[in-house]
Structures are given as structure tokens and as C-alpha cells.
């Protein structure tokens, strides 16, 4: 049931109820917050026990704050400034937008200026971690915001994660997410290659994981993705196609910064091959299948 507008409680809108967006919504609901959901799939909000809205504009007329978790910057700009976007609401109540989308830092900065011109605080809160880590409270938030906007967002940020890094103005959080995702993604790829070599060389993969855990090769990738790779369990926590999008953004950031990123270029090639092979909607641990599907070589690579 919708609240009485005069009862003093703030309601939160949640736009984007995919893997991570659904986990964000659950975190908010578990903390007793009232949430109205909106997704391209109209059945997702009711499945989570939430009311739904017909459009971002209608949502802006019903709530004071909105959290976004969308595929990319194109979707964010459409949701905020499109013909039925948040800014088009005729009687808007909206005061705050928190964007958890992994997107282009420059476009986020520009959108923050546009939203600010309409009197709406804009905060980027990039999520470092998968949907499962968000649900368990182990994901960190990489935040870009002006101090006043950060204060307005504090309740929601604290509800989402106990670890919040304020890194500077809008754009700073997105840059940190991309740089950190470079390390996370390549760590996962290295683990996949090691397990692939173990399989080819007759080394028991499960034993390899135990050895890595006991030595300097231990990492979060070993804990979070090792078992999935060994068991070929690719139930998605974060999709491979989404990481391809992230690596494209990483390479764009590198180009703008004058940084050559040879390992990320190779990573993009392997991820693109995975998408072509039909792995895009599977967990990003399925990168190991790209290696398994490569032609066997016995010539030493010459």
C-alpha cells in the first residue's frame, strides 16, 4: 500500500532490477525501507514484494529519492532525461538520485550537472562486488559526490554497505571502479588460466585451489570463482557480457589517460570471444570456457 504523502516517511524508488539491482532492492527492504520498483520486466518488482511504477517520470512524482542500477550510461541518461524520464515529471517530488551503474565517468559528471540544475542531488555509488556480496553486506561502495549530496545520501548508502569510500566529486567513483575492476577481472582470468593448465597437465584442479589458498597465490577470486570454475557452475552472480562492457570502459579510460593496457586488450578479446560463443549471460567465471574451447597446441606456441 502506498503511504500517505503527509506521514513524513520517505519512499525510495529503485530502477533496474537485474542481478545487482535486485540485490540492492533486497538490502533496502531488509532494512525496513519502503521501495517502489521499476524494471523493463514488469514482473520483477512484484516478485520482490514491491509496488511498481509505469515510468521514471511517474516514479519521480511518487518518491523523494531514486537508486539506479542499469546496464550502461546510455540507459542512465534515458532514465533521467528521456521523454518519460525522471526530469520530465510534471509534479516531481524527487530530491536525490543515487546511481550504482558502472558507467562512463565523464557522462556521469555531465548528468550530475544537469540533475543539479533541476534541484536534484546526484551521487554515484559504484558497487565493488557481485550481487551475492551485496546481499551479504560485503560489497563496498565507491562514491563520487559533492559533500552536501553525500550527506543527503547517507541513510541509503549506509543501508547498502558498511564500507563506503568517498573518493571525490561525481566521476571519481566511476574511475576508481574501472581501475579496481581491471585488477579484479585480470585476477579472475589468471585463475582461469591456471585451472585450465592444471586440467591439461593432469594436476587436480581442486588440489590447486587448496595450494593457492595456502600460499601467496591466494585471492578473493580463488574463494569466489575457483569453485564455480572447477564445477562449471556458471549460475550468474555477475555476467560475462557485463564485464566485457566494463573492460571497454577501462580501455576508454586508459586511452583518455594515455595509458597503454596490453593485458586489458587481451582480456577484451577473450571476453568478446566468450560472448560470441554464447557465454554472455553466464557468470563471469565462465571465462575459463573460452580457454577450454581454444584449440589445443602442442608446438610450444611457436
Protein backbone atom coordinates (compact mmCIF):
# COMPACT_ATOMS: atom_id res chain seq x y z
CA UNK A 1 0.00 0.00 0.00
CA UNK A 2 1.31 3.47 -0.85
CA UNK A 3 1.98 5.73 2.08
CA UNK A 4 0.09 8.90 2.83
CA UNK A 5 2.23 11.75 1.45
CA UNK A 6 1.76 13.53 4.71
CA UNK A 7 3.02 10.81 7.03
CA UNK A 8 6.64 12.06 6.97
CA UNK A 9 8.31 8.88 5.71
CA UNK A 10 10.49 8.99 2.63
CA UNK A 11 9.94 6.39 -0.06
CA UNK A 12 12.75 5.15 -2.30
CA UNK A 13 12.44 4.28 -5.96
CA UNK A 14 14.61 1.52 -7.43
CA UNK A 15 15.11 1.49 -11.21
CA UNK A 16 16.81 -1.58 -12.65
CA UNK A 17 16.07 -4.94 -11.03
CA UNK A 18 18.62 -7.22 -12.66
CA UNK A 19 21.07 -9.30 -10.64
CA UNK A 20 22.70 -6.41 -8.78
CA UNK A 21 19.64 -4.16 -8.77
CA UNK A 22 17.52 -6.87 -7.16
CA UNK A 23 20.20 -7.38 -4.51
CA UNK A 24 20.22 -3.64 -3.81
CA UNK A 25 16.45 -3.60 -3.51
CA UNK A 26 16.53 -6.54 -1.10
CA UNK A 27 19.10 -4.76 1.07
CA UNK A 28 16.85 -1.71 1.31
CA UNK A 29 13.75 -3.78 2.04
CA UNK A 30 15.53 -5.82 4.70
CA UNK A 31 16.34 -2.58 6.50
CA UNK A 32 12.69 -1.63 6.67
CA UNK A 33 12.69 0.96 3.91
CA UNK A 34 9.69 1.34 1.63
CA UNK A 35 10.70 0.79 -2.01
CA UNK A 36 8.83 1.16 -5.29
CA UNK A 37 10.47 -0.72 -8.15
CA UNK A 38 10.70 -0.19 -11.89
CA UNK A 39 12.21 -2.52 -14.47
CA UNK A 40 11.77 -3.36 -18.15
CA UNK A 41 10.37 -6.67 -16.88
CA UNK A 42 7.19 -5.55 -15.05
CA UNK A 43 7.06 -8.77 -13.05
CA UNK A 44 10.31 -8.24 -11.16
CA UNK A 45 9.10 -5.65 -8.65
CA UNK A 46 6.08 -7.72 -7.53
CA UNK A 47 8.34 -10.78 -7.22
CA UNK A 48 10.38 -8.79 -4.69
CA UNK A 49 7.26 -7.70 -2.83
CA UNK A 50 7.32 -4.11 -4.10
CA UNK A 51 4.84 -1.86 -5.78
CA UNK A 52 5.80 -0.80 -9.27
CA UNK A 53 5.60 2.38 -11.34
CA UNK A 54 4.79 2.80 -15.03
CA UNK A 55 7.71 5.09 -15.91
CA UNK A 56 10.60 7.01 -14.36
CA UNK A 57 8.50 10.18 -14.59
CA UNK A 58 5.67 8.61 -12.61
CA UNK A 59 8.18 7.34 -10.07
CA UNK A 60 9.58 10.87 -9.62
CA UNK A 61 6.05 12.02 -8.77
CA UNK A 62 5.78 9.38 -6.01
CA UNK A 63 9.18 9.30 -4.29
CA UNK A 64 11.82 11.65 -2.92
CA UNK A 65 14.86 9.54 -3.84
CA UNK A 66 15.75 7.03 -6.52
CA UNK A 67 18.50 4.42 -6.82
CA UNK A 68 19.59 3.41 -10.32
CA UNK A 69 21.30 0.15 -11.30
CA UNK A 70 21.29 0.00 -15.09
CA UNK A 71 23.33 -1.65 -17.86
CA UNK A 72 25.27 1.42 -19.02
CA UNK A 73 25.43 5.21 -19.33
CA UNK A 74 23.01 5.22 -22.27
CA UNK A 75 20.33 3.68 -20.07
CA UNK A 76 21.07 6.10 -17.22
CA UNK A 77 20.76 9.13 -19.47
CA UNK A 78 17.49 7.83 -20.93
CA UNK A 79 16.01 7.09 -17.49
CA UNK A 80 17.00 10.52 -16.20
CA UNK A 81 16.49 12.77 -19.22
CA UNK A 82 14.41 10.84 -21.75
CA UNK A 83 10.88 11.67 -22.84
CA UNK A 84 9.44 9.75 -19.88
CA UNK A 85 12.50 10.23 -17.69
CA UNK A 86 12.83 11.47 -14.14
CA UNK A 87 13.32 15.07 -15.27
CA UNK A 88 10.09 15.03 -17.29
CA UNK A 89 7.83 14.57 -14.25
CA UNK A 90 5.15 17.24 -14.11
CA UNK A 91 4.89 17.29 -10.31
CA UNK A 92 8.20 15.88 -9.17
CA UNK A 93 8.94 15.06 -5.54
CA UNK A 94 12.45 13.91 -6.41
CA UNK A 95 15.37 15.28 -4.38
CA UNK A 96 18.11 12.66 -4.75
CA UNK A 97 19.39 10.17 -7.34
CA UNK A 98 21.99 7.54 -6.40
CA UNK A 99 23.47 5.85 -9.46
CA UNK A 100 25.05 2.42 -8.92
CA UNK A 101 25.61 1.80 -12.63
CA UNK A 102 29.14 1.13 -13.86
CA UNK A 103 29.36 3.84 -16.47
CA UNK A 104 31.41 6.49 -18.22
CA UNK A 105 32.90 8.94 -15.67
CA UNK A 106 32.60 11.99 -17.96
CA UNK A 107 28.97 11.25 -18.79
CA UNK A 108 28.17 10.80 -15.10
CA UNK A 109 29.75 14.15 -14.33
CA UNK A 110 27.73 15.86 -17.07
CA UNK A 111 24.49 14.25 -15.90
CA UNK A 112 25.18 15.33 -12.33
CA UNK A 113 25.33 18.92 -13.56
CA UNK A 114 22.05 18.54 -15.40
CA UNK A 115 20.29 17.00 -12.41
CA UNK A 116 21.74 19.62 -10.11
CA UNK A 117 20.31 22.32 -12.36
CA UNK A 118 16.89 20.83 -11.67
CA UNK A 119 17.50 20.86 -7.92
CA UNK A 120 18.18 17.12 -7.68
CA UNK A 121 21.30 15.89 -5.89
CA UNK A 122 23.20 13.26 -7.89
CA UNK A 123 25.51 10.71 -6.27
CA UNK A 124 27.40 7.92 -7.98
CA UNK A 125 27.81 4.84 -5.80
CA UNK A 126 29.69 2.25 -7.82
CA UNK A 127 29.46 -1.24 -6.32
CA UNK A 128 32.69 -3.14 -5.82
CA UNK A 129 31.43 -6.70 -5.58
CA UNK A 130 28.87 -9.09 -7.03
CA UNK A 131 25.16 -9.38 -6.34
CA UNK A 132 25.92 -12.08 -3.75
CA UNK A 133 28.39 -9.83 -1.95
CA UNK A 134 25.82 -7.01 -1.98
CA UNK A 135 23.25 -9.32 -0.37
CA UNK A 136 25.69 -10.39 2.32
CA UNK A 137 26.84 -6.84 3.08
CA UNK A 138 30.37 -7.47 1.83
CA UNK A 139 30.31 -5.20 -1.23
CA UNK A 140 31.95 -1.78 -0.98
CA UNK A 141 30.58 1.45 -2.40
CA UNK A 142 32.88 3.73 -4.41
CA UNK A 143 31.22 7.11 -4.14
CA UNK A 144 31.57 10.30 -6.11
CA UNK A 145 29.54 13.21 -4.75
CA UNK A 146 29.65 16.76 -3.53
CA UNK A 147 29.62 16.97 0.30
CA UNK A 148 26.01 18.19 0.52
CA UNK A 149 24.78 15.43 -1.77
CA UNK A 150 26.77 12.88 0.18
CA UNK A 151 25.03 13.92 3.38
CA UNK A 152 21.62 13.59 1.74
CA UNK A 153 22.51 10.08 0.55
CA UNK A 154 23.99 8.86 3.83
CA UNK A 155 20.99 6.83 5.02
CA UNK A 156 20.71 4.84 1.80
CA UNK A 157 24.47 4.35 1.42
CA UNK A 158 24.72 3.06 4.97
CA UNK A 159 21.81 0.69 4.33
CA UNK A 160 23.57 -0.76 1.30
CA UNK A 161 27.05 -1.28 2.70
CA UNK A 162 29.13 -0.84 5.84
CA UNK A 163 32.08 0.14 3.63
CA UNK A 164 31.72 3.46 1.80
CA UNK A 165 34.65 5.22 0.16
CA UNK A 166 34.03 8.89 -0.69
CA UNK A 167 36.56 9.46 -3.45
CA UNK A 168 35.74 12.98 -4.59
CA UNK A 169 33.15 14.57 -6.89
CA UNK A 170 30.98 12.69 -9.37
CA UNK A 171 33.26 10.86 -11.79
CA UNK A 172 35.80 9.87 -9.15
CA UNK A 173 33.82 6.83 -8.08
CA UNK A 174 33.43 5.61 -11.66
CA UNK A 175 37.14 5.96 -12.33
CA UNK A 176 38.02 4.00 -9.19
CA UNK A 177 35.52 1.28 -10.13
CA UNK A 178 37.09 0.87 -13.55
CA UNK A 179 40.64 0.80 -12.22
CA UNK A 180 39.72 -1.70 -9.50
CA UNK A 181 37.73 -3.80 -11.97
CA UNK A 182 40.85 -4.06 -14.13
CA UNK A 183 42.63 -5.81 -11.26
CA UNK A 184 39.62 -7.93 -10.31
CA UNK A 185 38.92 -9.08 -13.85
CA UNK A 186 42.52 -9.95 -14.67
CA UNK A 187 42.86 -11.77 -11.35
CA UNK A 188 39.87 -13.90 -12.37
CA UNK A 189 41.36 -14.51 -15.83
CA UNK A 190 44.71 -15.58 -14.35
CA UNK A 191 42.93 -18.03 -12.06
CA UNK A 192 41.03 -19.43 -15.06
CA UNK A 193 44.26 -19.92 -16.99
CA UNK A 194 45.93 -21.66 -14.05
CA UNK A 195 42.98 -24.03 -13.62
CA UNK A 196 42.91 -24.67 -17.37
CA UNK A 197 46.60 -25.57 -17.34
CA UNK A 198 46.04 -27.81 -14.32
CA UNK A 199 43.34 -29.70 -16.21
CA UNK A 200 45.50 -30.08 -19.31
CA UNK A 201 48.60 -31.09 -17.35
CA UNK A 202 46.91 -33.66 -15.12
CA UNK A 203 47.03 -31.57 -11.93
CA UNK A 204 43.86 -31.97 -9.87
CA UNK A 205 42.10 -28.57 -10.00
CA UNK A 206 40.60 -28.85 -6.52
CA UNK A 207 44.07 -29.52 -5.11
CA UNK A 208 45.35 -26.45 -6.97
CA UNK A 209 42.76 -24.32 -5.17
CA UNK A 210 43.95 -25.69 -1.83
CA UNK A 211 47.56 -24.89 -2.71
CA UNK A 212 46.64 -21.36 -3.78
CA UNK A 213 44.72 -20.80 -0.55
CA UNK A 214 47.77 -21.82 1.45
CA UNK A 215 50.27 -19.59 -0.32
CA UNK A 216 50.89 -16.24 -1.99
CA UNK A 217 48.52 -17.09 -4.83
CA UNK A 218 45.50 -16.74 -2.54
CA UNK A 219 42.92 -14.15 -3.61
CA UNK A 220 39.23 -13.34 -3.44
CA UNK A 221 38.96 -14.76 -6.97
CA UNK A 222 40.08 -18.13 -5.63
CA UNK A 223 37.36 -18.03 -2.97
CA UNK A 224 34.55 -16.57 -5.06
CA UNK A 225 35.20 -18.04 -8.50
CA UNK A 226 37.51 -21.04 -8.10
CA UNK A 227 34.81 -23.50 -7.14
CA UNK A 228 32.50 -22.26 -9.88
CA UNK A 229 35.22 -22.79 -12.48
CA UNK A 230 36.12 -26.27 -11.23
CA UNK A 231 32.46 -27.36 -11.13
CA UNK A 232 31.49 -25.49 -14.33
CA UNK A 233 28.76 -23.81 -12.27
CA UNK A 234 28.03 -20.57 -14.09
CA UNK A 235 24.82 -19.54 -12.36
CA UNK A 236 25.23 -15.78 -12.68
CA UNK A 237 26.34 -13.52 -9.87
CA UNK A 238 27.86 -11.06 -12.36
CA UNK A 239 27.54 -11.74 -16.09
CA UNK A 240 30.42 -12.17 -18.51
CA UNK A 241 28.89 -9.73 -21.03
CA UNK A 242 28.70 -7.07 -18.36
CA UNK A 243 32.40 -7.41 -17.68
CA UNK A 244 33.12 -7.04 -21.39
CA UNK A 245 31.32 -3.70 -21.19
CA UNK A 246 33.44 -2.78 -18.17
CA UNK A 247 36.67 -3.66 -19.99
CA UNK A 248 35.62 -1.48 -22.92
CA UNK A 249 35.22 1.39 -20.45
CA UNK A 250 38.58 0.55 -18.87
CA UNK A 251 40.25 0.78 -22.27
CA UNK A 252 38.46 4.07 -22.98
CA UNK A 253 39.74 5.44 -19.67
CA UNK A 254 43.22 4.22 -20.49
CA UNK A 255 43.10 5.89 -23.89
CA UNK A 256 41.98 9.19 -22.41
CA UNK A 257 44.76 8.97 -19.79
CA UNK A 258 47.46 7.99 -22.26
CA UNK A 259 47.92 4.60 -20.57
CA UNK A 260 48.70 1.52 -22.65
CA UNK A 261 46.85 -1.51 -21.22
CA UNK A 262 48.03 -4.61 -23.11
CA UNK A 263 46.58 -7.14 -20.66
CA UNK A 264 43.18 -5.46 -20.82
CA UNK A 265 43.29 -5.53 -24.61
CA UNK A 266 43.83 -9.30 -24.46
CA UNK A 267 41.08 -9.59 -21.84
CA UNK A 268 38.66 -7.77 -24.13
CA UNK A 269 39.49 -10.19 -26.95
CA UNK A 270 38.82 -13.23 -24.77
CA UNK A 271 35.60 -11.80 -23.32
CA UNK A 272 34.34 -10.90 -26.79
CA UNK A 273 35.06 -14.47 -27.88
CA UNK A 274 33.08 -15.71 -24.89
CA UNK A 275 30.09 -13.59 -25.86
CA UNK A 276 30.31 -14.91 -29.42
CA UNK A 277 30.33 -18.45 -28.00
CA UNK A 278 27.10 -17.82 -26.09
CA UNK A 279 28.55 -17.27 -22.62
CA UNK A 280 27.49 -13.65 -22.23
CA UNK A 281 24.57 -14.22 -19.87
CA UNK A 282 26.51 -16.68 -17.70
CA UNK A 283 28.63 -15.83 -14.68
CA UNK A 284 31.91 -14.12 -15.48
CA UNK A 285 33.73 -17.19 -14.14
CA UNK A 286 32.75 -18.81 -17.45
CA UNK A 287 35.79 -17.07 -18.96
CA UNK A 288 37.53 -20.40 -18.32
CA UNK A 289 35.34 -21.96 -21.02
CA UNK A 290 36.92 -19.64 -23.59
CA UNK A 291 40.27 -21.21 -22.71
CA UNK A 292 38.85 -24.73 -22.65
CA UNK A 293 37.34 -24.14 -26.10
CA UNK A 294 40.63 -22.93 -27.60
CA UNK A 295 42.35 -25.35 -29.96
CA UNK A 296 44.92 -27.47 -28.13
CA UNK A 297 48.51 -26.58 -29.04
CA UNK A 298 51.50 -28.87 -28.79
CA UNK A 299 54.03 -26.70 -30.57
CA UNK A 300 55.10 -24.60 -27.60
CA UNK A 301 53.25 -21.61 -29.02
CA UNK A 302 55.59 -21.15 -31.97
